[in-house]
Amino acid sequence: MKLLRNLKKGKYPRIYEVIPVVNVDIRNRDLSIVYEHHFILGIRIGIATRKLTKEEHQELNNKFL
């Protein structure tokens, strides 16, 4: 939960995209950390981060500069 709070406050670099995940395989190699995951009515819900590719990162930089 502390990680999630810090993430909301923007303490982590924006190289990471935060993805809500539903029924995703936790071992998916594209997604790194799942911060929260609950098992509700047979559905896995959580928040994961995915490191952006260099192209996506460059695109974001161009958009905000």
PDB file of N, CA and C in Angstrom:
ATOM      1  N   MET A   1       0.827  -1.202   0.000  1.00  0.00           N
ATOM      2  CA  MET A   1       0.000   0.000   0.000  1.00  0.00           C
ATOM      3  C   MET A   1       0.865   1.258   0.000  1.00  0.00           C
ATOM      4  N   LYS A   2       1.986   1.216   0.713  1.00  0.00           N
ATOM      5  CA  LYS A   2       2.860   2.385   0.746  1.00  0.00           C
ATOM      6  C   LYS A   2       3.380   2.701  -0.659  1.00  0.00           C
ATOM      7  N   LEU A   3       3.748   1.637  -1.400  1.00  0.00           N
ATOM      8  CA  LEU A   3       4.214   1.838  -2.777  1.00  0.00           C
ATOM      9  C   LEU A   3       3.139   2.504  -3.615  1.00  0.00           C
ATOM     10  N   LEU A   4       1.898   2.060  -3.419  1.00  0.00           N
ATOM     11  CA  LEU A   4       0.789   2.609  -4.189  1.00  0.00           C
ATOM     12  C   LEU A   4       0.591   4.084  -3.850  1.00  0.00           C
ATOM     13  N   ARG A   5       0.689   4.421  -2.560  1.00  0.00           N
ATOM     14  CA  ARG A   5       0.539   5.813  -2.139  1.00  0.00           C
ATOM     15  C   ARG A   5       1.638   6.676  -2.756  1.00  0.00           C
ATOM     16  N   ASN A   6       2.873   6.167  -2.728  1.00  0.00           N
ATOM     17  CA  ASN A   6       3.989   6.921  -3.307  1.00  0.00           C
ATOM     18  C   ASN A   6       3.799   7.092  -4.807  1.00  0.00           C
ATOM     19  N   LEU A   7       3.262   6.068  -5.443  1.00  0.00           N
ATOM     20  CA  LEU A   7       3.031   6.124  -6.879  1.00  0.00           C
ATOM     21  C   LEU A   7       2.017   7.220  -7.201  1.00  0.00           C
ATOM     22  N   LYS A   8       0.957   7.311  -6.375  1.00  0.00           N
ATOM     23  CA  LYS A   8      -0.060   8.340  -6.583  1.00  0.00           C
ATOM     24  C   LYS A   8       0.522   9.728  -6.394  1.00  0.00           C
ATOM     25  N   LYS A   9       1.474   9.870  -5.484  1.00  0.00           N
ATOM     26  CA  LYS A   9       2.088  11.170  -5.231  1.00  0.00           C
ATOM     27  C   LYS A   9       3.093  11.539  -6.313  1.00  0.00           C
ATOM     28  N   GLY A  10       3.365  10.598  -7.221  1.00  0.00           N
ATOM     29  CA  GLY A  10       4.282  10.889  -8.318  1.00  0.00           C
ATOM     30  C   GLY A  10       5.738  10.805  -7.933  1.00  0.00           C
ATOM     31  N   LYS A  11       6.065   9.941  -6.967  1.00  0.00           N
ATOM     32  CA  LYS A  11       7.450   9.840  -6.528  1.00  0.00           C
ATOM     33  C   LYS A  11       8.302   8.975  -7.439  1.00  0.00           C
ATOM     34  N   TYR A  12       7.678   8.306  -8.390  1.00  0.00           N
ATOM     35  CA  TYR A  12       8.444   7.435  -9.270  1.00  0.00           C
ATOM     36  C   TYR A  12       8.530   8.071 -10.645  1.00  0.00           C
ATOM     37  N   PRO A  13       9.607   7.824 -11.370  1.00  0.00           N
ATOM     38  CA  PRO A  13       9.754   8.435 -12.696  1.00  0.00           C
ATOM     39  C   PRO A  13       8.658   7.966 -13.653  1.00  0.00           C
ATOM     40  N   ARG A  14       8.338   8.807 -14.585  1.00  0.00           N
ATOM     41  CA  ARG A  14       7.237   8.500 -15.495  1.00  0.00           C
ATOM     42  C   ARG A  14       7.638   7.550 -16.615  1.00  0.00           C
ATOM     43  N   ILE A  15       8.794   6.920 -16.458  1.00  0.00           N
ATOM     44  CA  ILE A  15       9.204   5.916 -17.437  1.00  0.00           C
ATOM     45  C   ILE A  15       8.257   4.724 -17.333  1.00  0.00           C
ATOM     46  N   TYR A  16       7.560   4.640 -16.222  1.00  0.00           N
ATOM     47  CA  TYR A  16       6.676   3.501 -15.994  1.00  0.00           C
ATOM     48  C   TYR A  16       5.238   3.889 -16.238  1.00  0.00           C
ATOM     49  N   GLU A  17       4.530   3.030 -16.912  1.00  0.00           N
ATOM     50  CA  GLU A  17       3.108   3.233 -17.140  1.00  0.00           C
ATOM     51  C   GLU A  17       2.381   2.398 -16.086  1.00  0.00           C
ATOM     52  N   VAL A  18       1.381   2.981 -15.461  1.00  0.00           N
ATOM     53  CA  VAL A  18       0.633   2.257 -14.441  1.00  0.00           C
ATOM     54  C   VAL A  18      -0.607   1.669 -15.104  1.00  0.00           C
ATOM     55  N   ILE A  19      -0.757   0.388 -14.947  1.00  0.00           N
ATOM     56  CA  ILE A  19      -1.827  -0.317 -15.648  1.00  0.00           C
ATOM     57  C   ILE A  19      -2.729  -1.030 -14.651  1.00  0.00           C
ATOM     58  N   PRO A  20      -4.033  -0.760 -14.701  1.00  0.00           N
ATOM     59  CA  PRO A  20      -4.925  -1.603 -13.906  1.00  0.00           C
ATOM     60  C   PRO A  20      -5.008  -2.963 -14.587  1.00  0.00           C
ATOM     61  N   VAL A  21      -4.867  -4.009 -13.843  1.00  0.00           N
ATOM     62  CA  VAL A  21      -4.880  -5.330 -14.452  1.00  0.00           C
ATOM     63  C   VAL A  21      -6.037  -6.150 -13.906  1.00  0.00           C
ATOM     64  N   VAL A  22      -6.702  -6.833 -14.802  1.00  0.00           N
ATOM     65  CA  VAL A  22      -7.796  -7.708 -14.419  1.00  0.00           C
ATOM     66  C   VAL A  22      -7.521  -9.072 -15.014  1.00  0.00           C
ATOM     67  N   ASN A  23      -7.502 -10.073 -14.159  1.00  0.00           N
ATOM     68  CA  ASN A  23      -7.274 -11.455 -14.594  1.00  0.00           C
ATOM     69  C   ASN A  23      -6.011 -11.608 -15.431  1.00  0.00           C
ATOM     70  N   VAL A  24      -4.992 -10.863 -15.082  1.00  0.00           N
ATOM     71  CA  VAL A  24      -3.749 -10.960 -15.843  1.00  0.00           C
ATOM     72  C   VAL A  24      -2.845 -11.967 -15.144  1.00  0.00           C
ATOM     73  N   ASP A  25      -2.044 -12.648 -15.914  1.00  0.00           N
ATOM     74  CA  ASP A  25      -1.104 -13.580 -15.302  1.00  0.00           C
ATOM     75  C   ASP A  25      -0.020 -12.751 -14.621  1.00  0.00           C
ATOM     76  N   ILE A  26       0.124 -12.922 -13.324  1.00  0.00           N
ATOM     77  CA  ILE A  26       1.069 -12.116 -12.554  1.00  0.00           C
ATOM     78  C   ILE A  26       2.494 -12.311 -13.084  1.00  0.00           C
ATOM     79  N   ARG A  27       2.765 -13.457 -13.680  1.00  0.00           N
ATOM     80  CA  ARG A  27       4.123 -13.731 -14.153  1.00  0.00           C
ATOM     81  C   ARG A  27       4.371 -13.181 -15.554  1.00  0.00           C
ATOM     82  N   ASN A  28       3.437 -12.392 -16.073  1.00  0.00           N
ATOM     83  CA  ASN A  28       3.605 -11.767 -17.382  1.00  0.00           C
ATOM     84  C   ASN A  28       4.904 -10.951 -17.367  1.00  0.00           C
ATOM     85  N   ARG A  29       5.806 -11.214 -18.290  1.00  0.00           N
ATOM     86  CA  ARG A  29       7.129 -10.597 -18.226  1.00  0.00           C
ATOM     87  C   ARG A  29       7.124  -9.105 -18.574  1.00  0.00           C
ATOM     88  N   ASP A  30       6.090  -8.631 -19.254  1.00  0.00           N
ATOM     89  CA  ASP A  30       6.037  -7.207 -19.601  1.00  0.00           C
ATOM     90  C   ASP A  30       5.653  -6.354 -18.402  1.00  0.00           C
ATOM     91  N   LEU A  31       4.948  -6.948 -17.464  1.00  0.00           N
ATOM     92  CA  LEU A  31       4.501  -6.194 -16.299  1.00  0.00           C
ATOM     93  C   LEU A  31       5.439  -6.492 -15.146  1.00  0.00           C
ATOM     94  N   SER A  32       5.883  -5.451 -14.452  1.00  0.00           N
ATOM     95  CA  SER A  32       6.805  -5.756 -13.371  1.00  0.00           C
ATOM     96  C   SER A  32       6.056  -6.022 -12.077  1.00  0.00           C
ATOM     97  N   ILE A  33       5.801  -5.019 -11.283  1.00  0.00           N
ATOM     98  CA  ILE A  33       5.284  -5.259  -9.943  1.00  0.00           C
ATOM     99  C   ILE A  33       3.775  -5.085  -9.921  1.00  0.00           C
ATOM    100  N   VAL A  34       3.095  -6.014  -9.314  1.00  0.00           N
ATOM    101  CA  VAL A  34       1.668  -5.813  -9.079  1.00  0.00           C
ATOM    102  C   VAL A  34       1.550  -5.328  -7.649  1.00  0.00           C
ATOM    103  N   TYR A  35       1.090  -4.081  -7.489  1.00  0.00           N
ATOM    104  CA  TYR A  35       1.078  -3.467  -6.173  1.00  0.00           C
ATOM    105  C   TYR A  35      -0.013  -4.017  -5.279  1.00  0.00           C
ATOM    106  N   GLU A  36      -1.181  -4.205  -5.826  1.00  0.00           N
ATOM    107  CA  GLU A  36      -2.290  -4.680  -5.022  1.00  0.00           C
ATOM    108  C   GLU A  36      -2.932  -5.732  -5.846  1.00  0.00           C
ATOM    109  N   HIS A  37      -3.285  -6.816  -5.227  1.00  0.00           N
ATOM    110  CA  HIS A  37      -4.152  -7.647  -6.018  1.00  0.00           C
ATOM    111  C   HIS A  37      -5.108  -8.394  -5.129  1.00  0.00           C
ATOM    112  N   HIS A  38      -6.354  -8.286  -5.451  1.00  0.00           N
ATOM    113  CA  HIS A  38      -7.441  -8.844  -4.656  1.00  0.00           C
ATOM    114  C   HIS A  38      -8.088  -9.942  -5.470  1.00  0.00           C
ATOM    115  N   PHE A  39      -8.635 -10.847  -4.763  1.00  0.00           N
ATOM    116  CA  PHE A  39      -9.352 -11.917  -5.451  1.00  0.00           C
ATOM    117  C   PHE A  39     -10.821 -11.735  -5.102  1.00  0.00           C
ATOM    118  N   ILE A  40     -11.568 -11.111  -6.009  1.00  0.00           N
ATOM    119  CA  ILE A  40     -12.982 -10.830  -5.738  1.00  0.00           C
ATOM    120  C   ILE A  40     -13.821 -11.590  -6.746  1.00  0.00           C
ATOM    121  N   LEU A  41     -14.687 -12.448  -6.250  1.00  0.00           N
ATOM    122  CA  LEU A  41     -15.594 -13.216  -7.108  1.00  0.00           C
ATOM    123  C   LEU A  41     -14.859 -13.893  -8.267  1.00  0.00           C
ATOM    124  N   GLY A  42     -13.667 -14.382  -7.977  1.00  0.00           N
ATOM    125  CA  GLY A  42     -12.925 -15.097  -9.007  1.00  0.00           C
ATOM    126  C   GLY A  42     -12.200 -14.202  -9.987  1.00  0.00           C
ATOM    127  N   ILE A  43     -12.170 -12.893  -9.731  1.00  0.00           N
ATOM    128  CA  ILE A  43     -11.495 -11.962 -10.646  1.00  0.00           C
ATOM    129  C   ILE A  43     -10.298 -11.363  -9.924  1.00  0.00           C
ATOM    130  N   ARG A  44      -9.133 -11.460 -10.540  1.00  0.00           N
ATOM    131  CA  ARG A  44      -7.944 -10.832  -9.960  1.00  0.00           C
ATOM    132  C   ARG A  44      -7.868  -9.396 -10.439  1.00  0.00           C
ATOM    133  N   ILE A  45      -7.780  -8.477  -9.494  1.00  0.00           N
ATOM    134  CA  ILE A  45      -7.695  -7.057  -9.839  1.00  0.00           C
ATOM    135  C   ILE A  45      -6.433  -6.503  -9.197  1.00  0.00           C
ATOM    136  N   GLY A  46      -5.685  -5.718  -9.929  1.00  0.00           N
ATOM    137  CA  GLY A  46      -4.488  -5.148  -9.326  1.00  0.00           C
ATOM    138  C   GLY A  46      -3.965  -3.987 -10.131  1.00  0.00           C
ATOM    139  N   ILE A  47      -2.819  -3.496  -9.712  1.00  0.00           N
ATOM    140  CA  ILE A  47      -2.169  -2.401 -10.414  1.00  0.00           C
ATOM    141  C   ILE A  47      -0.747  -2.842 -10.692  1.00  0.00           C
ATOM    142  N   ALA A  48      -0.341  -2.762 -11.928  1.00  0.00           N
ATOM    143  CA  ALA A  48       1.008  -3.182 -12.302  1.00  0.00           C
ATOM    144  C   ALA A  48       1.695  -2.031 -13.015  1.00  0.00           C
ATOM    145  N   THR A  49       2.994  -2.129 -13.123  1.00  0.00           N
ATOM    146  CA  THR A  49       3.717  -1.124 -13.900  1.00  0.00           C
ATOM    147  C   THR A  49       4.387  -1.817 -15.070  1.00  0.00           C
ATOM    148  N   ARG A  50       4.518  -1.081 -16.139  1.00  0.00           N
ATOM    149  CA  ARG A  50       5.196  -1.607 -17.315  1.00  0.00           C
ATOM    150  C   ARG A  50       6.220  -0.567 -17.730  1.00  0.00           C
ATOM    151  N   LYS A  51       7.437  -0.985 -17.924  1.00  0.00           N
ATOM    152  CA  LYS A  51       8.467  -0.036 -18.343  1.00  0.00           C
ATOM    153  C   LYS A  51       8.209   0.334 -19.800  1.00  0.00           C
ATOM    154  N   LEU A  52       8.206   1.622 -20.075  1.00  0.00           N
ATOM    155  CA  LEU A  52       7.939   2.076 -21.436  1.00  0.00           C
ATOM    156  C   LEU A  52       9.132   1.768 -22.338  1.00  0.00           C
ATOM    157  N   THR A  53       8.840   1.545 -23.593  1.00  0.00           N
ATOM    158  CA  THR A  53       9.919   1.360 -24.559  1.00  0.00           C
ATOM    159  C   THR A  53      10.559   2.721 -24.822  1.00  0.00           C
ATOM    160  N   LYS A  54      11.733   2.733 -25.404  1.00  0.00           N
ATOM    161  CA  LYS A  54      12.418   3.999 -25.679  1.00  0.00           C
ATOM    162  C   LYS A  54      11.580   4.898 -26.573  1.00  0.00           C
ATOM    163  N   GLU A  55      10.887   4.292 -27.536  1.00  0.00           N
ATOM    164  CA  GLU A  55      10.065   5.084 -28.462  1.00  0.00           C
ATOM    165  C   GLU A  55       8.913   5.759 -27.715  1.00  0.00           C
ATOM    166  N   GLU A  56       8.255   5.001 -26.846  1.00  0.00           N
ATOM    167  CA  GLU A  56       7.134   5.566 -26.088  1.00  0.00           C
ATOM    168  C   GLU A  56       7.622   6.672 -25.158  1.00  0.00           C
ATOM    169  N   HIS A  57       8.787   6.460 -24.565  1.00  0.00           N
ATOM    170  CA  HIS A  57       9.338   7.451 -23.645  1.00  0.00           C
ATOM    171  C   HIS A  57       9.665   8.734 -24.394  1.00  0.00           C
ATOM    172  N   GLN A  58      10.251   8.601 -25.576  1.00  0.00           N
ATOM    173  CA  GLN A  58      10.601   9.753 -26.397  1.00  0.00           C
ATOM    174  C   GLN A  58       9.334  10.510 -26.806  1.00  0.00           C
ATOM    175  N   GLU A  59       8.304   9.761 -27.150  1.00  0.00           N
ATOM    176  CA  GLU A  59       7.039  10.357 -27.557  1.00  0.00           C
ATOM    177  C   GLU A  59       6.432  11.182 -26.420  1.00  0.00           C
ATOM    178  N   LEU A  60       6.498  10.637 -25.199  1.00  0.00           N
ATOM    179  CA  LEU A  60       5.994  11.367 -24.033  1.00  0.00           C
ATOM    180  C   LEU A  60       6.798  12.637 -23.803  1.00  0.00           C
ATOM    181  N   ASN A  61       8.111  12.530 -23.914  1.00  0.00           N
ATOM    182  CA  ASN A  61       8.965  13.705 -23.726  1.00  0.00           C
ATOM    183  C   ASN A  61       8.624  14.783 -24.743  1.00  0.00           C
ATOM    184  N   ASN A  62       8.423  14.384 -26.001  1.00  0.00           N
ATOM    185  CA  ASN A  62       8.093  15.351 -27.050  1.00  0.00           C
ATOM    186  C   ASN A  62       6.751  16.019 -26.775  1.00  0.00           C
ATOM    187  N   LYS A  63       5.820  15.242 -26.218  1.00  0.00           N
ATOM    188  CA  LYS A  63       4.487  15.773 -25.965  1.00  0.00           C
ATOM    189  C   LYS A  63       4.504  16.835 -24.865  1.00  0.00           C
ATOM    190  N   PHE A  64       5.374  16.641 -23.847  1.00  0.00           N
ATOM    191  CA  PHE A  64       5.338  17.534 -22.688  1.00  0.00           C
ATOM    192  C   PHE A  64       6.420  18.600 -22.677  1.00  0.00           C
ATOM    193  N   LEU A  65       7.307  18.580 -23.665  1.00  0.00           N
ATOM    194  CA  LEU A  65       8.351  19.608 -23.699  1.00  0.00           C
ATOM    195  C   LEU A  65       7.944  20.784 -24.557  1.00  0.00           C
TER     196      LEU A  65
END
